């Protein structure tokens, strides 16, 4: 049964459709990848599904939350959804540890910074920071981290959503999480995505590296100009002539 589905979803900018009457569904507990050439609508789709862009038409369903014609960004967490961004978004003048603690509590950003956290919050923050190798950097300001460390901290934050007061995250959007990373960091994020799948979580991945798509994906959607070009198992889809022509330009 799909955990997320769209029906005739549209998003346009100045009359140009970035998402063009798209009807697709994502199975629970699977890694589903969105691929396609630059400008095909992958990130716009994620931004629309997480409320950053207002839907211009169609409906969306998150589990039991069906026939949604509008998605409020403040309510996305209550649908069990969390995400990363291509351009990493952190609280720059907060420490690595506080960036995670904000997610783990129901306090606002300012109150979270000054409030004393209980043992549960601190234990969970330590757990996710150790998992992605940033525990030793816990007292550093996020602004002082390297590019790769910043991406890892963002992933730590979405892992912390599994213990958020807003509800446990079930759908994890990864928008080009491997871009610009060293091989050891890539391996770490690959292992995180595989662990999420093993725990029955749903991962929706945007990625250009076809080796990683083959390794991680249970299913693939290919977008081109906001429309669905192809779908299916990764090896089958990536062998299609129309996909090769659209994506690889051959």
C-alpha atoms as a PDB file:
ATOM      1  CA  UNK A   1       0.000   0.000   0.000  1.00  0.00           C
ATOM      2  CA  UNK A   2       1.420   3.440  -0.909  1.00  0.00           C
ATOM      3  CA  UNK A   3       2.521   5.661   1.956  1.00  0.00           C
ATOM      4  CA  UNK A   4       2.587   8.701  -0.343  1.00  0.00           C
ATOM      5  CA  UNK A   5       0.787   9.338  -3.601  1.00  0.00           C
ATOM      6  CA  UNK A   6      -0.008  12.197  -5.951  1.00  0.00           C
ATOM      7  CA  UNK A   7      -2.857  12.581  -8.429  1.00  0.00           C
ATOM      8  CA  UNK A   8      -2.556  15.090 -11.281  1.00  0.00           C
ATOM      9  CA  UNK A   9      -0.170  17.167  -9.156  1.00  0.00           C
ATOM     10  CA  UNK A  10       0.870  20.406 -10.826  1.00  0.00           C
ATOM     11  CA  UNK A  11       3.264  23.227 -10.058  1.00  0.00           C
ATOM     12  CA  UNK A  12       4.042  25.964 -12.556  1.00  0.00           C
ATOM     13  CA  UNK A  13       6.161  29.098 -12.606  1.00  0.00           C
ATOM     14  CA  UNK A  14       5.131  31.905 -14.991  1.00  0.00           C
ATOM     15  CA  UNK A  15       3.039  29.449 -16.957  1.00  0.00           C
ATOM     16  CA  UNK A  16       5.796  26.836 -17.331  1.00  0.00           C
ATOM     17  CA  UNK A  17       4.972  23.514 -15.685  1.00  0.00           C
ATOM     18  CA  UNK A  18       7.767  22.223 -13.447  1.00  0.00           C
ATOM     19  CA  UNK A  19       5.450  19.440 -12.246  1.00  0.00           C
ATOM     20  CA  UNK A  20       2.963  18.578 -14.968  1.00  0.00           C
ATOM     21  CA  UNK A  21      -0.156  16.645 -13.857  1.00  0.00           C
ATOM     22  CA  UNK A  22       1.977  14.025 -12.137  1.00  0.00           C
ATOM     23  CA  UNK A  23       0.367  10.892 -10.696  1.00  0.00           C
ATOM     24  CA  UNK A  24       2.797   8.600  -8.876  1.00  0.00           C
ATOM     25  CA  UNK A  25       2.937   6.630  -5.628  1.00  0.00           C
ATOM     26  CA  UNK A  26       5.661   5.566  -3.218  1.00  0.00           C
ATOM     27  CA  UNK A  27       5.618   2.235  -1.416  1.00  0.00           C
ATOM     28  CA  UNK A  28       6.195   2.078   2.330  1.00  0.00           C
ATOM     29  CA  UNK A  29       9.561   0.742   3.448  1.00  0.00           C
ATOM     30  CA  UNK A  30      11.243   1.134   0.061  1.00  0.00           C
ATOM     31  CA  UNK A  31      13.950   3.366  -1.384  1.00  0.00           C
ATOM     32  CA  UNK A  32      12.464   5.121  -4.396  1.00  0.00           C
ATOM     33  CA  UNK A  33      14.674   7.345  -6.519  1.00  0.00           C
ATOM     34  CA  UNK A  34      13.700  10.336  -8.631  1.00  0.00           C
ATOM     35  CA  UNK A  35      16.038  10.807 -11.566  1.00  0.00           C
ATOM     36  CA  UNK A  36      16.093  12.920 -14.688  1.00  0.00           C
ATOM     37  CA  UNK A  37      18.032  15.720 -16.375  1.00  0.00           C
ATOM     38  CA  UNK A  38      18.533  19.078 -14.713  1.00  0.00           C
ATOM     39  CA  UNK A  39      15.285  21.015 -14.778  1.00  0.00           C
ATOM     40  CA  UNK A  40      13.152  17.882 -14.976  1.00  0.00           C
ATOM     41  CA  UNK A  41      11.201  18.804 -11.828  1.00  0.00           C
ATOM     42  CA  UNK A  42      12.739  16.523  -9.199  1.00  0.00           C
ATOM     43  CA  UNK A  43      13.496  19.134  -6.547  1.00  0.00           C
ATOM     44  CA  UNK A  44      10.357  21.091  -7.389  1.00  0.00           C
ATOM     45  CA  UNK A  45       8.355  17.937  -6.717  1.00  0.00           C
ATOM     46  CA  UNK A  46      10.000  17.492  -3.315  1.00  0.00           C
ATOM     47  CA  UNK A  47       9.531  21.174  -2.485  1.00  0.00           C
ATOM     48  CA  UNK A  48       5.854  20.921  -3.400  1.00  0.00           C
ATOM     49  CA  UNK A  49       5.323  17.730  -1.404  1.00  0.00           C
ATOM     50  CA  UNK A  50       6.920  19.338   1.657  1.00  0.00           C
ATOM     51  CA  UNK A  51       4.968  22.579   1.365  1.00  0.00           C
ATOM     52  CA  UNK A  52       7.761  24.932   0.290  1.00  0.00           C
ATOM     53  CA  UNK A  53       5.966  25.471  -3.010  1.00  0.00           C
ATOM     54  CA  UNK A  54       2.212  25.862  -3.112  1.00  0.00           C
ATOM     55  CA  UNK A  55       0.411  23.258  -5.202  1.00  0.00           C
ATOM     56  CA  UNK A  56      -1.285  24.658  -8.285  1.00  0.00           C
ATOM     57  CA  UNK A  57      -3.504  21.636  -8.825  1.00  0.00           C
ATOM     58  CA  UNK A  58      -4.105  17.994  -8.021  1.00  0.00           C
ATOM     59  CA  UNK A  59      -4.143  16.204  -4.683  1.00  0.00           C
ATOM     60  CA  UNK A  60      -1.627  14.487  -2.408  1.00  0.00           C
ATOM     61  CA  UNK A  61      -2.058  11.711   0.153  1.00  0.00           C
ATOM     62  CA  UNK A  62       0.284  10.991   3.064  1.00  0.00           C
ATOM     63  CA  UNK A  63      -0.960   7.722   4.521  1.00  0.00           C
ATOM     64  CA  UNK A  64      -4.342   8.454   6.077  1.00  0.00           C
ATOM     65  CA  UNK A  65      -4.093  12.159   5.232  1.00  0.00           C
ATOM     66  CA  UNK A  66      -5.824  11.978   1.860  1.00  0.00           C
ATOM     67  CA  UNK A  67      -7.026  14.423  -0.808  1.00  0.00           C
ATOM     68  CA  UNK A  68      -4.752  17.219   0.368  1.00  0.00           C
ATOM     69  CA  UNK A  69      -5.083  20.193  -1.949  1.00  0.00           C
ATOM     70  CA  UNK A  70      -2.734  22.321   0.120  1.00  0.00           C
ATOM     71  CA  UNK A  71       0.287  21.414   2.241  1.00  0.00           C
ATOM     72  CA  UNK A  72       1.234  23.688   5.127  1.00  0.00           C
ATOM     73  CA  UNK A  73       5.002  23.454   5.832  1.00  0.00           C
ATOM     74  CA  UNK A  74       4.288  23.695   9.571  1.00  0.00           C
ATOM     75  CA  UNK A  75       2.164  20.533   9.364  1.00  0.00           C
ATOM     76  CA  UNK A  76       4.519  18.388   7.284  1.00  0.00           C
ATOM     77  CA  UNK A  77       6.161  16.802  10.336  1.00  0.00           C
ATOM     78  CA  UNK A  78       2.745  15.671  11.568  1.00  0.00           C
ATOM     79  CA  UNK A  79       2.424  13.704   8.299  1.00  0.00           C
ATOM     80  CA  UNK A  80       5.600  11.828   9.245  1.00  0.00           C
ATOM     81  CA  UNK A  81       7.736  13.657   6.681  1.00  0.00           C
ATOM     82  CA  UNK A  82      11.270  15.044   6.970  1.00  0.00           C
ATOM     83  CA  UNK A  83      13.893  16.062   4.423  1.00  0.00           C
ATOM     84  CA  UNK A  84      17.335  17.347   3.501  1.00  0.00           C
ATOM     85  CA  UNK A  85      18.034  20.205   1.096  1.00  0.00           C
ATOM     86  CA  UNK A  86      20.457  20.696  -1.788  1.00  0.00           C
ATOM     87  CA  UNK A  87      21.541  23.901  -0.082  1.00  0.00           C
ATOM     88  CA  UNK A  88      22.091  22.771   3.496  1.00  0.00           C
ATOM     89  CA  UNK A  89      19.907  24.615   6.004  1.00  0.00           C
ATOM     90  CA  UNK A  90      21.153  24.767   9.580  1.00  0.00           C
ATOM     91  CA  UNK A  91      21.020  27.129  12.546  1.00  0.00           C
ATOM     92  CA  UNK A  92      24.423  28.624  11.824  1.00  0.00           C
ATOM     93  CA  UNK A  93      25.070  30.299  15.200  1.00  0.00           C
ATOM     94  CA  UNK A  94      24.015  27.284  17.238  1.00  0.00           C
ATOM     95  CA  UNK A  95      26.274  24.387  18.128  1.00  0.00           C
ATOM     96  CA  UNK A  96      26.133  21.039  16.397  1.00  0.00           C
ATOM     97  CA  UNK A  97      24.491  19.564  19.500  1.00  0.00           C
ATOM     98  CA  UNK A  98      21.875  22.315  19.752  1.00  0.00           C
ATOM     99  CA  UNK A  99      21.000  21.919  16.068  1.00  0.00           C
ATOM    100  CA  UNK A 100      19.923  18.364  16.880  1.00  0.00           C
ATOM    101  CA  UNK A 101      18.282  19.204  20.207  1.00  0.00           C
ATOM    102  CA  UNK A 102      15.988  21.719  18.491  1.00  0.00           C
ATOM    103  CA  UNK A 103      14.495  18.843  16.501  1.00  0.00           C
ATOM    104  CA  UNK A 104      14.162  16.617  19.549  1.00  0.00           C
ATOM    105  CA  UNK A 105      12.097  19.069  21.594  1.00  0.00           C
ATOM    106  CA  UNK A 106       8.831  20.902  21.137  1.00  0.00           C
ATOM    107  CA  UNK A 107      10.437  24.225  22.025  1.00  0.00           C
ATOM    108  CA  UNK A 108      11.031  26.998  19.548  1.00  0.00           C
ATOM    109  CA  UNK A 109      14.534  27.744  18.322  1.00  0.00           C
ATOM    110  CA  UNK A 110      15.325  30.461  20.873  1.00  0.00           C
ATOM    111  CA  UNK A 111      13.873  28.675  23.895  1.00  0.00           C
ATOM    112  CA  UNK A 112      15.589  25.444  22.876  1.00  0.00           C
ATOM    113  CA  UNK A 113      18.923  27.242  22.854  1.00  0.00           C
ATOM    114  CA  UNK A 114      18.554  28.477  26.428  1.00  0.00           C
ATOM    115  CA  UNK A 115      16.575  25.629  28.002  1.00  0.00           C
ATOM    116  CA  UNK A 116      17.951  22.676  29.893  1.00  0.00           C
ATOM    117  CA  UNK A 117      17.326  19.406  28.072  1.00  0.00           C
ATOM    118  CA  UNK A 118      16.460  16.163  29.780  1.00  0.00           C
ATOM    119  CA  UNK A 119      18.506  12.969  29.662  1.00  0.00           C
ATOM    120  CA  UNK A 120      16.352  11.437  26.928  1.00  0.00           C
ATOM    121  CA  UNK A 121      16.971  14.325  24.545  1.00  0.00           C
ATOM    122  CA  UNK A 122      20.698  14.367  25.249  1.00  0.00           C
ATOM    123  CA  UNK A 123      21.006  10.586  24.821  1.00  0.00           C
ATOM    124  CA  UNK A 124      19.203  10.655  21.471  1.00  0.00           C
ATOM    125  CA  UNK A 125      21.266  13.596  20.268  1.00  0.00           C
ATOM    126  CA  UNK A 126      24.440  11.753  21.222  1.00  0.00           C
ATOM    127  CA  UNK A 127      23.195   8.632  19.441  1.00  0.00           C
ATOM    128  CA  UNK A 128      22.549  10.331  16.090  1.00  0.00           C
ATOM    129  CA  UNK A 129      25.693  12.466  16.217  1.00  0.00           C
ATOM    130  CA  UNK A 130      27.840   9.419  16.888  1.00  0.00           C
ATOM    131  CA  UNK A 131      26.058   7.586  14.083  1.00  0.00           C
ATOM    132  CA  UNK A 132      27.105  10.182  11.523  1.00  0.00           C
ATOM    133  CA  UNK A 133      30.521  10.887  13.086  1.00  0.00           C
ATOM    134  CA  UNK A 134      29.988  14.369  14.503  1.00  0.00           C
ATOM    135  CA  UNK A 135      29.922  13.737  18.238  1.00  0.00           C
ATOM    136  CA  UNK A 136      33.431  15.141  18.652  1.00  0.00           C
ATOM    137  CA  UNK A 137      32.229  18.330  16.956  1.00  0.00           C
ATOM    138  CA  UNK A 138      29.164  18.715  19.196  1.00  0.00           C
ATOM    139  CA  UNK A 139      30.295  22.020  20.726  1.00  0.00           C
ATOM    140  CA  UNK A 140      31.336  23.594  17.408  1.00  0.00           C
ATOM    141  CA  UNK A 141      29.118  26.201  15.804  1.00  0.00           C
ATOM    142  CA  UNK A 142      27.414  24.854  12.688  1.00  0.00           C
ATOM    143  CA  UNK A 143      28.865  27.800  10.755  1.00  0.00           C
ATOM    144  CA  UNK A 144      32.388  26.482  11.404  1.00  0.00           C
ATOM    145  CA  UNK A 145      31.820  23.032   9.907  1.00  0.00           C
ATOM    146  CA  UNK A 146      33.153  21.932   6.545  1.00  0.00           C
ATOM    147  CA  UNK A 147      30.748  21.443   3.647  1.00  0.00           C
ATOM    148  CA  UNK A 148      30.669  17.692   4.145  1.00  0.00           C
ATOM    149  CA  UNK A 149      30.182  17.972   7.898  1.00  0.00           C
ATOM    150  CA  UNK A 150      27.288  20.360   7.339  1.00  0.00           C
ATOM    151  CA  UNK A 151      25.562  17.817   5.125  1.00  0.00           C
ATOM    152  CA  UNK A 152      26.123  15.151   7.759  1.00  0.00           C
ATOM    153  CA  UNK A 153      24.651  17.411  10.449  1.00  0.00           C
ATOM    154  CA  UNK A 154      21.542  17.939   8.335  1.00  0.00           C
ATOM    155  CA  UNK A 155      21.186  14.164   8.074  1.00  0.00           C
ATOM    156  CA  UNK A 156      21.627  13.877  11.852  1.00  0.00           C
ATOM    157  CA  UNK A 157      18.751  16.322  12.228  1.00  0.00           C
ATOM    158  CA  UNK A 158      16.400  14.288  10.067  1.00  0.00           C
ATOM    159  CA  UNK A 159      17.417  11.090  11.884  1.00  0.00           C
ATOM    160  CA  UNK A 160      16.482  12.836  15.116  1.00  0.00           C
ATOM    161  CA  UNK A 161      12.973  13.265  13.706  1.00  0.00           C
ATOM    162  CA  UNK A 162      12.408   9.624  14.635  1.00  0.00           C
ATOM    163  CA  UNK A 163      12.122  10.924  18.200  1.00  0.00           C
ATOM    164  CA  UNK A 164      10.462  14.280  17.524  1.00  0.00           C
ATOM    165  CA  UNK A 165       7.455  15.493  19.560  1.00  0.00           C
ATOM    166  CA  UNK A 166       5.723  16.118  16.222  1.00  0.00           C
ATOM    167  CA  UNK A 167       5.612  12.379  15.651  1.00  0.00           C
ATOM    168  CA  UNK A 168       7.972   9.729  14.357  1.00  0.00           C
ATOM    169  CA  UNK A 169       9.165  10.357  10.815  1.00  0.00           C
ATOM    170  CA  UNK A 170       8.233   7.695   8.267  1.00  0.00           C
ATOM    171  CA  UNK A 171       9.091   9.412   4.962  1.00  0.00           C
ATOM    172  CA  UNK A 172      12.636  10.687   4.437  1.00  0.00           C
ATOM    173  CA  UNK A 173      13.392  12.895   1.433  1.00  0.00           C
ATOM    174  CA  UNK A 174      17.074  13.053   0.479  1.00  0.00           C
ATOM    175  CA  UNK A 175      17.692  15.774  -2.126  1.00  0.00           C
ATOM    176  CA  UNK A 176      21.143  15.095  -3.638  1.00  0.00           C
ATOM    177  CA  UNK A 177      22.730  14.092  -0.301  1.00  0.00           C
ATOM    178  CA  UNK A 178      25.980  12.833  -1.885  1.00  0.00           C
ATOM    179  CA  UNK A 179      26.888  15.890  -3.958  1.00  0.00           C
ATOM    180  CA  UNK A 180      30.415  17.128  -3.284  1.00  0.00           C
ATOM    181  CA  UNK A 181      31.224  14.580  -0.587  1.00  0.00           C
ATOM    182  CA  UNK A 182      34.374  12.516  -0.046  1.00  0.00           C
ATOM    183  CA  UNK A 183      34.022   8.744  -0.607  1.00  0.00           C
ATOM    184  CA  UNK A 184      34.031   7.911   3.120  1.00  0.00           C
ATOM    185  CA  UNK A 185      31.127  10.306   3.710  1.00  0.00           C
ATOM    186  CA  UNK A 186      29.257   8.820   0.758  1.00  0.00           C
ATOM    187  CA  UNK A 187      29.647   5.351   2.287  1.00  0.00           C
ATOM    188  CA  UNK A 188      28.329   6.638   5.607  1.00  0.00           C
ATOM    189  CA  UNK A 189      25.194   8.139   4.059  1.00  0.00           C
ATOM    190  CA  UNK A 190      24.641   4.981   1.992  1.00  0.00           C
ATOM    191  CA  UNK A 191      24.680   2.964   5.214  1.00  0.00           C
ATOM    192  CA  UNK A 192      22.220   5.396   6.848  1.00  0.00           C
ATOM    193  CA  UNK A 193      19.769   5.050   3.943  1.00  0.00           C
ATOM    194  CA  UNK A 194      20.037   1.258   4.033  1.00  0.00           C
ATOM    195  CA  UNK A 195      19.400   1.247   7.786  1.00  0.00           C
ATOM    196  CA  UNK A 196      16.304   3.396   7.341  1.00  0.00           C
ATOM    197  CA  UNK A 197      14.953   0.879   4.827  1.00  0.00           C
ATOM    198  CA  UNK A 198      15.734  -2.004   7.195  1.00  0.00           C
ATOM    199  CA  UNK A 199      13.681  -0.214   9.851  1.00  0.00           C
ATOM    200  CA  UNK A 200      10.703  -0.005   7.484  1.00  0.00           C
ATOM    201  CA  UNK A 201      11.118   3.691   6.706  1.00  0.00           C
ATOM    202  CA  UNK A 202      10.375   5.130   3.278  1.00  0.00           C
ATOM    203  CA  UNK A 203      13.218   6.925   1.517  1.00  0.00           C
ATOM    204  CA  UNK A 204      12.733   9.164  -1.533  1.00  0.00           C
ATOM    205  CA  UNK A 205      16.087   9.944  -3.096  1.00  0.00           C
ATOM    206  CA  UNK A 206      17.136  12.499  -5.713  1.00  0.00           C
ATOM    207  CA  UNK A 207      20.556  11.605  -7.064  1.00  0.00           C
ATOM    208  CA  UNK A 208      22.600  11.863 -10.285  1.00  0.00           C
ATOM    209  CA  UNK A 209      25.131   9.122  -9.568  1.00  0.00           C
ATOM    210  CA  UNK A 210      23.773   6.080 -11.392  1.00  0.00           C
ATOM    211  CA  UNK A 211      25.974   3.651  -9.463  1.00  0.00           C
ATOM    212  CA  UNK A 212      24.349   4.833  -6.241  1.00  0.00           C
ATOM    213  CA  UNK A 213      20.906   4.654  -7.854  1.00  0.00           C
ATOM    214  CA  UNK A 214      21.542   1.026  -8.790  1.00  0.00           C
ATOM    215  CA  UNK A 215      22.881   0.179  -5.344  1.00  0.00           C
ATOM    216  CA  UNK A 216      20.183   1.832  -3.258  1.00  0.00           C
ATOM    217  CA  UNK A 217      16.962   1.921  -5.254  1.00  0.00           C
ATOM    218  CA  UNK A 218      14.087  -0.524  -5.045  1.00  0.00           C
ATOM    219  CA  UNK A 219      12.180   1.512  -7.619  1.00  0.00           C
ATOM    220  CA  UNK A 220      12.887   4.469  -9.893  1.00  0.00           C
ATOM    221  CA  UNK A 221      10.788   7.250 -11.378  1.00  0.00           C
ATOM    222  CA  UNK A 222      12.274   9.166 -14.304  1.00  0.00           C
ATOM    223  CA  UNK A 223      11.028  12.724 -14.756  1.00  0.00           C
ATOM    224  CA  UNK A 224      11.444  14.846 -17.851  1.00  0.00           C
ATOM    225  CA  UNK A 225      10.006  18.376 -18.092  1.00  0.00           C
ATOM    226  CA  UNK A 226       7.822  17.711 -15.073  1.00  0.00           C
ATOM    227  CA  UNK A 227       6.238  14.585 -16.546  1.00  0.00           C
ATOM    228  CA  UNK A 228       6.727  10.917 -15.816  1.00  0.00           C
ATOM    229  CA  UNK A 229       8.939   9.446 -18.545  1.00  0.00           C
ATOM    230  CA  UNK A 230       9.499   5.969 -17.096  1.00  0.00           C
ATOM    231  CA  UNK A 231       9.256   3.905 -13.933  1.00  0.00           C
ATOM    232  CA  UNK A 232      10.307   0.495 -12.686  1.00  0.00           C
ATOM    233  CA  UNK A 233      13.263  -1.443 -11.299  1.00  0.00           C
ATOM    234  CA  UNK A 234      16.519   0.507 -11.643  1.00  0.00           C
ATOM    235  CA  UNK A 235      18.361  -1.876 -13.961  1.00  0.00           C
ATOM    236  CA  UNK A 236      15.391  -2.100 -16.307  1.00  0.00           C
ATOM    237  CA  UNK A 237      14.686   1.631 -16.341  1.00  0.00           C
ATOM    238  CA  UNK A 238      18.302   2.693 -16.817  1.00  0.00           C
ATOM    239  CA  UNK A 239      18.606   0.400 -19.830  1.00  0.00           C
ATOM    240  CA  UNK A 240      15.720   2.063 -21.687  1.00  0.00           C
ATOM    241  CA  UNK A 241      16.671   4.031 -24.786  1.00  0.00           C
ATOM    242  CA  UNK A 242      14.331   6.945 -24.020  1.00  0.00           C
ATOM    243  CA  UNK A 243      15.786   7.272 -20.514  1.00  0.00           C
ATOM    244  CA  UNK A 244      19.341   7.193 -21.828  1.00  0.00           C
ATOM    245  CA  UNK A 245      18.495   9.852 -24.404  1.00  0.00           C
ATOM    246  CA  UNK A 246      16.711  12.117 -21.908  1.00  0.00           C
ATOM    247  CA  UNK A 247      19.027  11.690 -18.939  1.00  0.00           C
ATOM    248  CA  UNK A 248      22.426  11.023 -20.454  1.00  0.00           C
ATOM    249  CA  UNK A 249      21.921  13.034 -23.605  1.00  0.00           C
ATOM    250  CA  UNK A 250      22.976  10.155 -25.845  1.00  0.00           C
END
